[in-house]
PDB file of N, CA and C in Angstrom:
ATOM      1  N   UNK A   1     -10.957 -11.608 -12.664  1.00  0.00           N
ATOM      2  CA  UNK A   1     -10.724 -11.277 -11.297  1.00  0.00           C
ATOM      3  C   UNK A   1     -10.916 -12.622 -10.494  1.00  0.00           C
ATOM      4  N   UNK A   2      -9.831 -12.684  -9.685  1.00  0.00           N
ATOM      5  CA  UNK A   2      -9.819 -13.910  -8.859  1.00  0.00           C
ATOM      6  C   UNK A   2     -10.625 -13.712  -7.511  1.00  0.00           C
ATOM      7  N   UNK A   3     -11.198 -14.808  -6.997  1.00  0.00           N
ATOM      8  CA  UNK A   3     -11.945 -14.731  -5.778  1.00  0.00           C
ATOM      9  C   UNK A   3     -10.845 -14.772  -4.662  1.00  0.00           C
ATOM     10  N   UNK A   4     -11.270 -14.427  -3.393  1.00  0.00           N
ATOM     11  CA  UNK A   4     -10.286 -14.487  -2.406  1.00  0.00           C
ATOM     12  C   UNK A   4      -9.617 -15.738  -2.167  1.00  0.00           C
ATOM     13  N   UNK A   5     -10.389 -16.815  -2.126  1.00  0.00           N
ATOM     14  CA  UNK A   5      -9.772 -18.181  -1.940  1.00  0.00           C
ATOM     15  C   UNK A   5      -8.807 -18.378  -3.152  1.00  0.00           C
ATOM     16  N   UNK A   6      -9.009 -17.995  -4.249  1.00  0.00           N
ATOM     17  CA  UNK A   6      -8.097 -18.150  -5.457  1.00  0.00           C
ATOM     18  C   UNK A   6      -6.885 -17.522  -5.143  1.00  0.00           C
ATOM     19  N   UNK A   7      -6.900 -16.182  -4.563  1.00  0.00           N
ATOM     20  CA  UNK A   7      -5.754 -15.432  -4.272  1.00  0.00           C
ATOM     21  C   UNK A   7      -4.900 -16.139  -3.253  1.00  0.00           C
ATOM     22  N   UNK A   8      -5.572 -16.645  -2.175  1.00  0.00           N
ATOM     23  CA  UNK A   8      -4.824 -17.236  -1.153  1.00  0.00           C
ATOM     24  C   UNK A   8      -4.047 -18.629  -1.693  1.00  0.00           C
ATOM     25  N   UNK A   9      -4.519 -19.170  -2.695  1.00  0.00           N
ATOM     26  CA  UNK A   9      -3.933 -20.406  -3.290  1.00  0.00           C
ATOM     27  C   UNK A   9      -2.764 -20.147  -4.148  1.00  0.00           C
ATOM     28  N   UNK A  10      -2.559 -18.961  -4.552  1.00  0.00           N
ATOM     29  CA  UNK A  10      -1.436 -18.560  -5.504  1.00  0.00           C
ATOM     30  C   UNK A  10      -0.191 -18.804  -4.693  1.00  0.00           C
ATOM     31  N   UNK A  11       0.818 -19.590  -5.418  1.00  0.00           N
ATOM     32  CA  UNK A  11       2.116 -19.803  -4.964  1.00  0.00           C
ATOM     33  C   UNK A  11       3.112 -18.934  -5.658  1.00  0.00           C
ATOM     34  N   UNK A  12       3.411 -17.734  -4.787  1.00  0.00           N
ATOM     35  CA  UNK A  12       4.307 -16.723  -5.185  1.00  0.00           C
ATOM     36  C   UNK A  12       5.779 -16.960  -4.691  1.00  0.00           C
ATOM     37  N   UNK A  13       6.005 -18.112  -4.022  1.00  0.00           N
ATOM     38  CA  UNK A  13       7.306 -18.194  -3.400  1.00  0.00           C
ATOM     39  C   UNK A  13       8.417 -18.417  -4.437  1.00  0.00           C
ATOM     40  N   UNK A  14       8.098 -18.659  -5.659  1.00  0.00           N
ATOM     41  CA  UNK A  14       9.220 -18.954  -6.573  1.00  0.00           C
ATOM     42  C   UNK A  14       9.467 -17.630  -7.488  1.00  0.00           C
ATOM     43  N   UNK A  15       8.946 -16.556  -7.090  1.00  0.00           N
ATOM     44  CA  UNK A  15       9.111 -15.373  -7.833  1.00  0.00           C
ATOM     45  C   UNK A  15      10.662 -15.097  -7.563  1.00  0.00           C
ATOM     46  N   UNK A  16      11.470 -15.042  -8.576  1.00  0.00           N
ATOM     47  CA  UNK A  16      12.997 -14.689  -8.551  1.00  0.00           C
ATOM     48  C   UNK A  16      13.110 -13.347  -7.926  1.00  0.00           C
ATOM     49  N   UNK A  17      14.002 -13.160  -6.764  1.00  0.00           N
ATOM     50  CA  UNK A  17      14.332 -11.992  -6.323  1.00  0.00           C
ATOM     51  C   UNK A  17      13.283 -11.311  -5.270  1.00  0.00           C
ATOM     52  N   UNK A  18      12.199 -11.881  -5.334  1.00  0.00           N
ATOM     53  CA  UNK A  18      11.106 -11.331  -4.533  1.00  0.00           C
ATOM     54  C   UNK A  18      10.045 -12.311  -4.151  1.00  0.00           C
ATOM     55  N   UNK A  19      10.472 -13.429  -3.664  1.00  0.00           N
ATOM     56  CA  UNK A  19       9.443 -14.335  -3.349  1.00  0.00           C
ATOM     57  C   UNK A  19       8.425 -13.791  -2.211  1.00  0.00           C
ATOM     58  N   UNK A  20       7.188 -14.225  -2.514  1.00  0.00           N
ATOM     59  CA  UNK A  20       6.021 -13.567  -1.692  1.00  0.00           C
ATOM     60  C   UNK A  20       5.181 -14.588  -1.336  1.00  0.00           C
ATOM     61  N   UNK A  21       4.370 -14.321  -0.212  1.00  0.00           N
ATOM     62  CA  UNK A  21       3.408 -15.032   0.511  1.00  0.00           C
ATOM     63  C   UNK A  21       2.133 -14.274   0.677  1.00  0.00           C
ATOM     64  N   UNK A  22       0.881 -14.698   0.379  1.00  0.00           N
ATOM     65  CA  UNK A  22      -0.270 -14.012   0.712  1.00  0.00           C
ATOM     66  C   UNK A  22      -0.777 -14.668   1.905  1.00  0.00           C
ATOM     67  N   UNK A  23      -1.027 -13.804   2.951  1.00  0.00           N
ATOM     68  CA  UNK A  23      -1.460 -14.179   4.213  1.00  0.00           C
ATOM     69  C   UNK A  23      -2.974 -14.136   4.446  1.00  0.00           C
ATOM     70  N   UNK A  24      -3.641 -13.292   3.886  1.00  0.00           N
ATOM     71  CA  UNK A  24      -5.106 -13.068   4.001  1.00  0.00           C
ATOM     72  C   UNK A  24      -5.704 -12.444   2.708  1.00  0.00           C
ATOM     73  N   UNK A  25      -6.871 -12.823   2.321  1.00  0.00           N
ATOM     74  CA  UNK A  25      -7.553 -12.176   1.396  1.00  0.00           C
ATOM     75  C   UNK A  25      -9.000 -12.249   1.600  1.00  0.00           C
ATOM     76  N   UNK A  26      -9.760 -11.081   1.864  1.00  0.00           N
ATOM     77  CA  UNK A  26     -11.219 -11.036   2.204  1.00  0.00           C
ATOM     78  C   UNK A  26     -11.860  -9.897   1.614  1.00  0.00           C
ATOM     79  N   UNK A  27     -13.176 -10.113   1.331  1.00  0.00           N
ATOM     80  CA  UNK A  27     -13.950  -9.040   0.745  1.00  0.00           C
ATOM     81  C   UNK A  27     -14.487  -8.114   1.947  1.00  0.00           C
ATOM     82  N   UNK A  28     -14.350  -6.913   1.784  1.00  0.00           N
ATOM     83  CA  UNK A  28     -14.678  -5.976   2.922  1.00  0.00           C
ATOM     84  C   UNK A  28     -15.924  -5.250   2.364  1.00  0.00           C
ATOM     85  N   UNK A  29     -16.885  -5.004   3.183  1.00  0.00           N
ATOM     86  CA  UNK A  29     -18.200  -4.303   2.796  1.00  0.00           C
ATOM     87  C   UNK A  29     -18.120  -3.051   3.673  1.00  0.00           C
ATOM     88  N   UNK A  30     -17.522  -1.799   3.297  1.00  0.00           N
ATOM     89  CA  UNK A  30     -17.649  -0.696   4.230  1.00  0.00           C
ATOM     90  C   UNK A  30     -18.976  -0.171   4.337  1.00  0.00           C
ATOM     91  N   UNK A  31     -19.122   0.558   5.450  1.00  0.00           N
ATOM     92  CA  UNK A  31     -20.623   1.202   5.558  1.00  0.00           C
ATOM     93  C   UNK A  31     -20.857   2.091   4.470  1.00  0.00           C
ATOM     94  N   UNK A  32     -19.800   2.821   3.899  1.00  0.00           N
ATOM     95  CA  UNK A  32     -19.970   3.818   2.868  1.00  0.00           C
ATOM     96  C   UNK A  32     -18.944   3.378   1.809  1.00  0.00           C
ATOM     97  N   UNK A  33     -19.188   3.622   0.498  1.00  0.00           N
ATOM     98  CA  UNK A  33     -18.363   3.147  -0.550  1.00  0.00           C
ATOM     99  C   UNK A  33     -18.633   1.809  -1.075  1.00  0.00           C
ATOM    100  N   UNK A  34     -17.776   1.425  -2.061  1.00  0.00           N
ATOM    101  CA  UNK A  34     -17.888  -0.018  -2.688  1.00  0.00           C
ATOM    102  C   UNK A  34     -17.194  -0.939  -1.942  1.00  0.00           C
ATOM    103  N   UNK A  35     -17.574  -2.222  -2.053  1.00  0.00           N
ATOM    104  CA  UNK A  35     -16.731  -3.262  -1.481  1.00  0.00           C
ATOM    105  C   UNK A  35     -15.483  -3.588  -2.273  1.00  0.00           C
ATOM    106  N   UNK A  36     -14.482  -4.077  -1.455  1.00  0.00           N
ATOM    107  CA  UNK A  36     -13.043  -4.370  -2.026  1.00  0.00           C
ATOM    108  C   UNK A  36     -12.477  -5.560  -1.466  1.00  0.00           C
ATOM    109  N   UNK A  37     -11.557  -6.091  -1.963  1.00  0.00           N
ATOM    110  CA  UNK A  37     -10.908  -7.240  -1.622  1.00  0.00           C
ATOM    111  C   UNK A  37      -9.527  -6.803  -0.911  1.00  0.00           C
ATOM    112  N   UNK A  38      -9.443  -6.983   0.285  1.00  0.00           N
ATOM    113  CA  UNK A  38      -8.219  -6.598   1.057  1.00  0.00           C
ATOM    114  C   UNK A  38      -7.309  -7.851   1.017  1.00  0.00           C
ATOM    115  N   UNK A  39      -6.223  -7.593   0.581  1.00  0.00           N
ATOM    116  CA  UNK A  39      -5.105  -8.810   0.506  1.00  0.00           C
ATOM    117  C   UNK A  39      -3.800  -8.439   1.289  1.00  0.00           C
ATOM    118  N   UNK A  40      -3.387  -9.148   2.135  1.00  0.00           N
ATOM    119  CA  UNK A  40      -2.176  -8.903   2.934  1.00  0.00           C
ATOM    120  C   UNK A  40      -1.228  -9.973   2.734  1.00  0.00           C
ATOM    121  N   UNK A  41       0.186  -9.681   2.782  1.00  0.00           N
ATOM    122  CA  UNK A  41       1.133 -10.519   2.546  1.00  0.00           C
ATOM    123  C   UNK A  41       2.401  -9.979   2.890  1.00  0.00           C
ATOM    124  N   UNK A  42       3.482 -10.756   2.502  1.00  0.00           N
ATOM    125  CA  UNK A  42       4.850 -10.405   2.869  1.00  0.00           C
ATOM    126  C   UNK A  42       5.752 -10.839   1.484  1.00  0.00           C
ATOM    127  N   UNK A  43       6.658  -9.787   1.176  1.00  0.00           N
ATOM    128  CA  UNK A  43       7.626 -10.070   0.259  1.00  0.00           C
ATOM    129  C   UNK A  43       9.028 -10.365   0.807  1.00  0.00           C
ATOM    130  N   UNK A  44       9.700 -11.297   0.237  1.00  0.00           N
ATOM    131  CA  UNK A  44      10.937 -11.753   0.849  1.00  0.00           C
ATOM    132  C   UNK A  44      10.700 -12.058   2.335  1.00  0.00           C
ATOM    133  N   UNK A  45      11.649 -11.392   3.243  1.00  0.00           N
ATOM    134  CA  UNK A  45      11.494 -11.780   4.553  1.00  0.00           C
ATOM    135  C   UNK A  45      10.972 -10.681   5.489  1.00  0.00           C
ATOM    136  N   UNK A  46      10.996  -9.410   4.874  1.00  0.00           N
ATOM    137  CA  UNK A  46      10.765  -8.368   5.739  1.00  0.00           C
ATOM    138  C   UNK A  46       9.775  -7.297   5.230  1.00  0.00           C
ATOM    139  N   UNK A  47       9.286  -7.335   3.974  1.00  0.00           N
ATOM    140  CA  UNK A  47       8.428  -6.254   3.464  1.00  0.00           C
ATOM    141  C   UNK A  47       6.823  -6.820   3.427  1.00  0.00           C
ATOM    142  N   UNK A  48       6.203  -6.204   4.364  1.00  0.00           N
ATOM    143  CA  UNK A  48       4.776  -6.461   4.502  1.00  0.00           C
ATOM    144  C   UNK A  48       3.981  -5.636   3.469  1.00  0.00           C
ATOM    145  N   UNK A  49       2.909  -6.145   2.952  1.00  0.00           N
ATOM    146  CA  UNK A  49       1.999  -5.303   2.134  1.00  0.00           C
ATOM    147  C   UNK A  49       0.563  -5.583   2.457  1.00  0.00           C
ATOM    148  N   UNK A  50      -0.172  -4.533   2.032  1.00  0.00           N
ATOM    149  CA  UNK A  50      -1.757  -4.548   1.823  1.00  0.00           C
ATOM    150  C   UNK A  50      -2.079  -3.936   0.675  1.00  0.00           C
ATOM    151  N   UNK A  51      -3.068  -4.760  -0.217  1.00  0.00           N
ATOM    152  CA  UNK A  51      -3.459  -4.327  -1.337  1.00  0.00           C
ATOM    153  C   UNK A  51      -5.037  -4.350  -1.304  1.00  0.00           C
ATOM    154  N   UNK A  52      -5.550  -3.283  -1.708  1.00  0.00           N
ATOM    155  CA  UNK A  52      -7.135  -3.253  -1.766  1.00  0.00           C
ATOM    156  C   UNK A  52      -7.545  -3.319  -3.229  1.00  0.00           C
ATOM    157  N   UNK A  53      -8.248  -4.317  -3.630  1.00  0.00           N
ATOM    158  CA  UNK A  53      -8.592  -4.657  -4.917  1.00  0.00           C
ATOM    159  C   UNK A  53     -10.157  -4.380  -5.160  1.00  0.00           C
ATOM    160  N   UNK A  54     -10.518  -3.596  -6.148  1.00  0.00           N
ATOM    161  CA  UNK A  54     -11.931  -3.564  -6.430  1.00  0.00           C
ATOM    162  C   UNK A  54     -12.644  -4.932  -6.779  1.00  0.00           C
ATOM    163  N   UNK A  55     -13.876  -4.990  -6.245  1.00  0.00           N
ATOM    164  CA  UNK A  55     -14.533  -6.194  -6.594  1.00  0.00           C
ATOM    165  C   UNK A  55     -15.300  -6.018  -7.940  1.00  0.00           C
ATOM    166  N   UNK A  56     -15.674  -4.791  -8.293  1.00  0.00           N
ATOM    167  CA  UNK A  56     -16.366  -4.453  -9.503  1.00  0.00           C
ATOM    168  C   UNK A  56     -16.023  -3.004  -9.863  1.00  0.00           C
ATOM    169  N   UNK A  57     -16.283  -2.684 -11.145  1.00  0.00           N
ATOM    170  CA  UNK A  57     -16.235  -1.395 -11.558  1.00  0.00           C
ATOM    171  C   UNK A  57     -14.748  -0.647 -11.491  1.00  0.00           C
ATOM    172  N   UNK A  58     -13.709  -1.340 -11.723  1.00  0.00           N
ATOM    173  CA  UNK A  58     -12.475  -0.878 -11.594  1.00  0.00           C
ATOM    174  C   UNK A  58     -12.256   0.198 -12.789  1.00  0.00           C
ATOM    175  N   UNK A  59     -11.919   1.495 -12.418  1.00  0.00           N
ATOM    176  CA  UNK A  59     -11.809   2.525 -13.231  1.00  0.00           C
ATOM    177  C   UNK A  59     -10.394   2.628 -13.913  1.00  0.00           C
ATOM    178  N   UNK A  60      -9.457   1.636 -13.835  1.00  0.00           N
ATOM    179  CA  UNK A  60      -8.012   1.538 -14.285  1.00  0.00           C
ATOM    180  C   UNK A  60      -7.115   2.554 -13.558  1.00  0.00           C
ATOM    181  N   UNK A  61      -7.567   3.148 -12.495  1.00  0.00           N
ATOM    182  CA  UNK A  61      -6.714   4.092 -11.750  1.00  0.00           C
ATOM    183  C   UNK A  61      -6.010   3.331 -10.652  1.00  0.00           C
ATOM    184  N   UNK A  62      -4.955   3.773 -10.275  1.00  0.00           N
ATOM    185  CA  UNK A  62      -4.123   3.087  -9.212  1.00  0.00           C
ATOM    186  C   UNK A  62      -3.494   4.208  -8.253  1.00  0.00           C
ATOM    187  N   UNK A  63      -3.446   3.825  -6.996  1.00  0.00           N
ATOM    188  CA  UNK A  63      -3.079   4.721  -5.875  1.00  0.00           C
ATOM    189  C   UNK A  63      -2.010   3.831  -5.153  1.00  0.00           C
ATOM    190  N   UNK A  64      -0.836   4.427  -4.977  1.00  0.00           N
ATOM    191  CA  UNK A  64       0.129   3.666  -4.154  1.00  0.00           C
ATOM    192  C   UNK A  64       0.742   4.545  -3.029  1.00  0.00           C
ATOM    193  N   UNK A  65       0.662   4.008  -1.989  1.00  0.00           N
ATOM    194  CA  UNK A  65       1.330   4.699  -0.527  1.00  0.00           C
ATOM    195  C   UNK A  65       2.416   3.995  -0.147  1.00  0.00           C
ATOM    196  N   UNK A  66       3.304   4.713   0.338  1.00  0.00           N
ATOM    197  CA  UNK A  66       4.445   4.099   1.075  1.00  0.00           C
ATOM    198  C   UNK A  66       5.600   5.137   1.228  1.00  0.00           C
ATOM    199  N   UNK A  67       6.552   4.760   2.034  1.00  0.00           N
ATOM    200  CA  UNK A  67       7.678   5.593   2.282  1.00  0.00           C
ATOM    201  C   UNK A  67       9.005   4.859   2.542  1.00  0.00           C
ATOM    202  N   UNK A  68       9.118   3.802   2.003  1.00  0.00           N
ATOM    203  CA  UNK A  68      10.429   2.912   2.137  1.00  0.00           C
ATOM    204  C   UNK A  68      10.509   2.306   3.617  1.00  0.00           C
ATOM    205  N   UNK A  69       9.439   2.160   4.284  1.00  0.00           N
ATOM    206  CA  UNK A  69       9.598   1.483   5.560  1.00  0.00           C
ATOM    207  C   UNK A  69       9.769   2.428   6.863  1.00  0.00           C
ATOM    208  N   UNK A  70       9.913   3.854   6.358  1.00  0.00           N
ATOM    209  CA  UNK A  70      10.252   4.811   7.587  1.00  0.00           C
ATOM    210  C   UNK A  70       9.050   5.249   8.356  1.00  0.00           C
ATOM    211  N   UNK A  71       7.814   5.013   7.831  1.00  0.00           N
ATOM    212  CA  UNK A  71       6.546   5.625   8.319  1.00  0.00           C
ATOM    213  C   UNK A  71       6.064   4.575   9.464  1.00  0.00           C
ATOM    214  N   UNK A  72       6.256   3.318   9.209  1.00  0.00           N
ATOM    215  CA  UNK A  72       5.715   2.454  10.161  1.00  0.00           C
ATOM    216  C   UNK A  72       4.297   1.991   9.943  1.00  0.00           C
ATOM    217  N   UNK A  73       3.515   2.973   9.795  1.00  0.00           N
ATOM    218  CA  UNK A  73       2.075   2.655   9.546  1.00  0.00           C
ATOM    219  C   UNK A  73       1.306   3.700   8.877  1.00  0.00           C
ATOM    220  N   UNK A  74       0.673   3.383   7.813  1.00  0.00           N
ATOM    221  CA  UNK A  74      -0.056   4.356   7.037  1.00  0.00           C
ATOM    222  C   UNK A  74      -1.472   4.064   7.143  1.00  0.00           C
ATOM    223  N   UNK A  75      -2.278   5.094   7.636  1.00  0.00           N
ATOM    224  CA  UNK A  75      -3.820   5.085   7.579  1.00  0.00           C
ATOM    225  C   UNK A  75      -4.335   5.148   6.328  1.00  0.00           C
ATOM    226  N   UNK A  76      -4.848   4.064   5.716  1.00  0.00           N
ATOM    227  CA  UNK A  76      -5.389   4.054   4.366  1.00  0.00           C
ATOM    228  C   UNK A  76      -6.803   3.891   4.323  1.00  0.00           C
ATOM    229  N   UNK A  77      -7.568   4.611   5.274  1.00  0.00           N
ATOM    230  CA  UNK A  77      -8.990   4.417   5.296  1.00  0.00           C
ATOM    231  C   UNK A  77      -9.603   5.541   4.291  1.00  0.00           C
ATOM    232  N   UNK A  78      -9.870   5.162   2.960  1.00  0.00           N
ATOM    233  CA  UNK A  78     -10.440   6.041   2.105  1.00  0.00           C
ATOM    234  C   UNK A  78     -11.950   5.893   1.779  1.00  0.00           C
ATOM    235  N   UNK A  79     -12.724   5.506   2.987  1.00  0.00           N
ATOM    236  CA  UNK A  79     -14.051   5.259   2.668  1.00  0.00           C
ATOM    237  C   UNK A  79     -14.779   6.563   2.397  1.00  0.00           C
ATOM    238  N   UNK A  80     -15.642   6.432   1.609  1.00  0.00           N
ATOM    239  CA  UNK A  80     -16.430   7.487   0.829  1.00  0.00           C
ATOM    240  C   UNK A  80     -17.231   8.159   2.192  1.00  0.00           C
ATOM    241  N   UNK A  81     -17.138   9.425   2.173  1.00  0.00           N
ATOM    242  CA  UNK A  81     -17.822  10.169   3.224  1.00  0.00           C
ATOM    243  C   UNK A  81     -19.060  10.873   2.820  1.00  0.00           C
TER     244      UNK A  81
END
């Protein structure tokens, strides 16, 4: 697992067909639930993304949300209640 500073240092601008930039990477400690690393960035010139990576205990499961840009904003607050 990469530390947030190591994620920020990745140069993904040379990815053919989908050059990307990472804008931020920070560990978040929610009031409830496990900490995670929130990574934001942009692919090509118009696709923005946010990825929440576990800092420990990843169960090999994956959840993806999106709607092809028609939603505008997705509230992805999955804090344990």
